[in-house]
Amino acid sequence: MIVRDINKDIIGTEKEVHAQQGQWTSRRMLLKGDNMGFSFHETIIKANTKTHIHYQNHLEAVYCVAGNGKIEDLKTGIVHEIYDGVMYALNEHDDHNLYGGSEDMRLICVFNPPIKGTENHDENGVYPLED
């Protein structure tokens, strides 16, 4: 059994990863090394920010539990509002922009395959695929 306290075990450790440009913080609670077959994160998207993301190597499901923002599908141009209670899944490695709204957005995220833990987006919005 794995039990972790986000305040005692994650925040302020190497499992709390910050965007290179400061627009998000990812608190990585389950990682590849936990051998669960997925990774599980809490991510805070800062208000009034824009992040380009294109997970070419991962599928991701995201559930908003606080705050607001938008996701823009760069293939279709469709923009979806995100707020408490909204889930979205990047089931086709969707190239998108994620916008923080008028307040910080708190997201719960699941990745498949799991990430190792130190990843940050490259210049194309991609996390590398770990062996």
C-alpha atoms as a PDB file:
ATOM      1  CA  MET A   1       0.000   0.000   0.000  1.00  0.00           C
ATOM      2  CA  ILE A   2       1.213   3.497  -0.851  1.00  0.00           C
ATOM      3  CA  VAL A   3       0.102   6.408   1.325  1.00  0.00           C
ATOM      4  CA  ARG A   4       1.433   9.907   0.738  1.00  0.00           C
ATOM      5  CA  ASP A   5       0.619  13.266   2.305  1.00  0.00           C
ATOM      6  CA  ILE A   6       0.951  16.035  -0.269  1.00  0.00           C
ATOM      7  CA  ASN A   7       2.016  18.548   2.397  1.00  0.00           C
ATOM      8  CA  LYS A   8       4.574  16.314   4.118  1.00  0.00           C
ATOM      9  CA  ASP A   9       5.811  14.095   1.268  1.00  0.00           C
ATOM     10  CA  ILE A  10       5.512  16.112  -1.965  1.00  0.00           C
ATOM     11  CA  ILE A  11       5.518  19.905  -1.573  1.00  0.00           C
ATOM     12  CA  GLY A  12       9.057  21.244  -1.333  1.00  0.00           C
ATOM     13  CA  THR A  13      10.647  18.009  -2.577  1.00  0.00           C
ATOM     14  CA  GLU A  14      11.898  16.869  -5.995  1.00  0.00           C
ATOM     15  CA  LYS A  15       8.348  15.573  -6.594  1.00  0.00           C
ATOM     16  CA  GLU A  16       7.097  19.157  -6.842  1.00  0.00           C
ATOM     17  CA  VAL A  17       8.062  20.319 -10.330  1.00  0.00           C
ATOM     18  CA  HIS A  18       7.647  23.877 -11.613  1.00  0.00           C
ATOM     19  CA  ALA A  19       7.203  24.996 -15.212  1.00  0.00           C
ATOM     20  CA  GLN A  20      10.327  26.566 -16.627  1.00  0.00           C
ATOM     21  CA  GLN A  21       8.363  29.777 -17.271  1.00  0.00           C
ATOM     22  CA  GLY A  22       6.416  29.598 -13.989  1.00  0.00           C
ATOM     23  CA  GLN A  23       2.910  29.016 -15.338  1.00  0.00           C
ATOM     24  CA  TRP A  24       2.244  25.742 -13.434  1.00  0.00           C
ATOM     25  CA  THR A  25       3.329  23.556 -10.538  1.00  0.00           C
ATOM     26  CA  SER A  26       2.962  19.769 -10.719  1.00  0.00           C
ATOM     27  CA  ARG A  27       2.891  17.745  -7.499  1.00  0.00           C
ATOM     28  CA  ARG A  28       3.678  14.213  -8.539  1.00  0.00           C
ATOM     29  CA  MET A  29       2.150  11.788  -6.097  1.00  0.00           C
ATOM     30  CA  LEU A  30       2.511   8.489  -7.998  1.00  0.00           C
ATOM     31  CA  LEU A  31       5.283   7.934 -10.528  1.00  0.00           C
ATOM     32  CA  LYS A  32       6.681   5.241 -12.782  1.00  0.00           C
ATOM     33  CA  GLY A  33       8.801   3.846  -9.945  1.00  0.00           C
ATOM     34  CA  ASP A  34       5.657   3.105  -7.933  1.00  0.00           C
ATOM     35  CA  ASN A  35       4.774   0.388 -10.494  1.00  0.00           C
ATOM     36  CA  MET A  36       1.078   1.286 -10.736  1.00  0.00           C
ATOM     37  CA  GLY A  37       0.990   1.501 -14.556  1.00  0.00           C
ATOM     38  CA  PHE A  38       0.069   5.214 -14.454  1.00  0.00           C
ATOM     39  CA  SER A  39       1.201   8.396 -12.729  1.00  0.00           C
ATOM     40  CA  PHE A  40      -1.027  10.643 -10.625  1.00  0.00           C
ATOM     41  CA  HIS A  41      -0.500  14.356 -10.055  1.00  0.00           C
ATOM     42  CA  GLU A  42      -2.037  17.487  -8.637  1.00  0.00           C
ATOM     43  CA  THR A  43      -1.272  20.404 -10.938  1.00  0.00           C
ATOM     44  CA  ILE A  44      -1.821  24.077 -10.211  1.00  0.00           C
ATOM     45  CA  ILE A  45      -2.211  26.241 -13.316  1.00  0.00           C
ATOM     46  CA  LYS A  46      -1.480  29.864 -12.473  1.00  0.00           C
ATOM     47  CA  ALA A  47      -4.139  32.468 -13.265  1.00  0.00           C
ATOM     48  CA  ASN A  48      -3.806  34.386 -16.540  1.00  0.00           C
ATOM     49  CA  THR A  49      -1.185  32.075 -18.075  1.00  0.00           C
ATOM     50  CA  LYS A  50      -0.877  30.133 -21.320  1.00  0.00           C
ATOM     51  CA  THR A  51       0.907  26.794 -21.728  1.00  0.00           C
ATOM     52  CA  HIS A  52       1.371  24.947 -25.007  1.00  0.00           C
ATOM     53  CA  ILE A  53       1.164  21.158 -24.439  1.00  0.00           C
ATOM     54  CA  HIS A  54       1.412  18.272 -26.886  1.00  0.00           C
ATOM     55  CA  TYR A  55       1.851  14.934 -25.135  1.00  0.00           C
ATOM     56  CA  GLN A  56       2.983  12.855 -28.100  1.00  0.00           C
ATOM     57  CA  ASN A  57       4.158  10.034 -25.826  1.00  0.00           C
ATOM     58  CA  HIS A  58       1.433  10.015 -23.165  1.00  0.00           C
ATOM     59  CA  LEU A  59      -2.309   9.942 -22.706  1.00  0.00           C
ATOM     60  CA  GLU A  60      -3.695  12.158 -19.953  1.00  0.00           C
ATOM     61  CA  ALA A  61      -6.994  12.534 -18.121  1.00  0.00           C
ATOM     62  CA  VAL A  62      -7.555  15.729 -16.145  1.00  0.00           C
ATOM     63  CA  TYR A  63     -10.236  16.630 -13.592  1.00  0.00           C
ATOM     64  CA  CYS A  64     -10.655  20.201 -12.368  1.00  0.00           C
ATOM     65  CA  VAL A  65     -11.414  20.498  -8.650  1.00  0.00           C
ATOM     66  CA  ALA A  66     -10.999  24.276  -8.216  1.00  0.00           C
ATOM     67  CA  GLY A  67     -10.517  27.462 -10.190  1.00  0.00           C
ATOM     68  CA  ASN A  68     -11.113  28.052 -13.872  1.00  0.00           C
ATOM     69  CA  GLY A  69      -9.472  28.188 -17.258  1.00  0.00           C
ATOM     70  CA  LYS A  70      -9.774  27.055 -20.858  1.00  0.00           C
ATOM     71  CA  ILE A  71      -8.356  24.398 -23.146  1.00  0.00           C
ATOM     72  CA  GLU A  72      -7.931  25.107 -26.848  1.00  0.00           C
ATOM     73  CA  ASP A  73      -7.728  22.196 -29.306  1.00  0.00           C
ATOM     74  CA  LEU A  74      -5.150  23.385 -31.829  1.00  0.00           C
ATOM     75  CA  LYS A  75      -6.357  20.934 -34.499  1.00  0.00           C
ATOM     76  CA  THR A  76      -9.979  22.107 -34.483  1.00  0.00           C
ATOM     77  CA  GLY A  77      -9.723  25.555 -32.885  1.00  0.00           C
ATOM     78  CA  ILE A  78     -12.451  24.601 -30.396  1.00  0.00           C
ATOM     79  CA  VAL A  79     -12.094  26.148 -26.936  1.00  0.00           C
ATOM     80  CA  HIS A  80     -13.631  24.471 -23.877  1.00  0.00           C
ATOM     81  CA  GLU A  81     -14.227  26.173 -20.549  1.00  0.00           C
ATOM     82  CA  ILE A  82     -12.703  24.382 -17.552  1.00  0.00           C
ATOM     83  CA  TYR A  83     -14.034  24.803 -14.019  1.00  0.00           C
ATOM     84  CA  ASP A  84     -14.704  22.736 -10.910  1.00  0.00           C
ATOM     85  CA  GLY A  85     -16.341  19.476 -12.015  1.00  0.00           C
ATOM     86  CA  VAL A  86     -15.071  19.418 -15.620  1.00  0.00           C
ATOM     87  CA  MET A  87     -12.934  16.513 -16.887  1.00  0.00           C
ATOM     88  CA  TYR A  88     -11.046  16.348 -20.168  1.00  0.00           C
ATOM     89  CA  ALA A  89      -9.023  13.512 -21.674  1.00  0.00           C
ATOM     90  CA  LEU A  90      -6.243  13.888 -24.209  1.00  0.00           C
ATOM     91  CA  ASN A  91      -7.069  10.571 -25.849  1.00  0.00           C
ATOM     92  CA  GLU A  92      -5.528  11.373 -29.243  1.00  0.00           C
ATOM     93  CA  HIS A  93      -2.288  13.025 -28.077  1.00  0.00           C
ATOM     94  CA  ASP A  94      -4.129  16.306 -28.663  1.00  0.00           C
ATOM     95  CA  ASP A  95      -2.009  19.375 -29.377  1.00  0.00           C
ATOM     96  CA  HIS A  96      -3.481  22.137 -27.209  1.00  0.00           C
ATOM     97  CA  ASN A  97      -3.072  25.358 -25.295  1.00  0.00           C
ATOM     98  CA  LEU A  98      -4.076  25.422 -21.647  1.00  0.00           C
ATOM     99  CA  TYR A  99      -5.063  28.791 -20.233  1.00  0.00           C
ATOM    100  CA  GLY A 100      -5.279  29.749 -16.593  1.00  0.00           C
ATOM    101  CA  GLY A 101      -8.405  31.826 -15.980  1.00  0.00           C
ATOM    102  CA  SER A 102      -9.201  34.547 -13.477  1.00  0.00           C
ATOM    103  CA  GLU A 103      -7.950  32.402 -10.584  1.00  0.00           C
ATOM    104  CA  ASP A 104      -5.503  29.532 -10.168  1.00  0.00           C
ATOM    105  CA  MET A 105      -6.865  26.217 -11.429  1.00  0.00           C
ATOM    106  CA  ARG A 106      -6.321  23.007  -9.412  1.00  0.00           C
ATOM    107  CA  LEU A 107      -6.263  19.867 -11.553  1.00  0.00           C
ATOM    108  CA  ILE A 108      -5.977  16.170 -10.747  1.00  0.00           C
ATOM    109  CA  CYS A 109      -4.144  14.369 -13.576  1.00  0.00           C
ATOM    110  CA  VAL A 110      -3.427  10.788 -14.589  1.00  0.00           C
ATOM    111  CA  PHE A 111      -0.755   9.863 -17.175  1.00  0.00           C
ATOM    112  CA  ASN A 112      -0.324   6.663 -19.146  1.00  0.00           C
ATOM    113  CA  PRO A 113       2.380   5.549 -19.507  1.00  0.00           C
ATOM    114  CA  PRO A 114       3.518   6.910 -16.162  1.00  0.00           C
ATOM    115  CA  ILE A 115       6.129   9.613 -16.026  1.00  0.00           C
ATOM    116  CA  LYS A 116       9.384   9.257 -14.116  1.00  0.00           C
ATOM    117  CA  GLY A 117       8.909  12.453 -12.142  1.00  0.00           C
ATOM    118  CA  THR A 118      11.346  15.147 -13.220  1.00  0.00           C
ATOM    119  CA  GLU A 119       9.885  15.819 -16.678  1.00  0.00           C
ATOM    120  CA  ASN A 120       9.182  19.300 -17.935  1.00  0.00           C
ATOM    121  CA  HIS A 121       7.739  20.293 -21.317  1.00  0.00           C
ATOM    122  CA  ASP A 122      10.243  20.617 -24.147  1.00  0.00           C
ATOM    123  CA  GLU A 123      10.049  23.387 -26.771  1.00  0.00           C
ATOM    124  CA  ASN A 124       7.158  21.505 -28.462  1.00  0.00           C
ATOM    125  CA  GLY A 125       5.133  20.954 -25.274  1.00  0.00           C
ATOM    126  CA  VAL A 126       6.166  17.276 -25.054  1.00  0.00           C
ATOM    127  CA  TYR A 127       7.281  15.122 -22.126  1.00  0.00           C
ATOM    128  CA  PRO A 128       9.967  12.630 -23.202  1.00  0.00           C
ATOM    129  CA  LEU A 129       9.118   8.926 -23.237  1.00  0.00           C
ATOM    130  CA  GLU A 130      11.030   7.129 -20.502  1.00  0.00           C
ATOM    131  CA  ASP A 131      12.279   3.575 -20.989  1.00  0.00           C
END
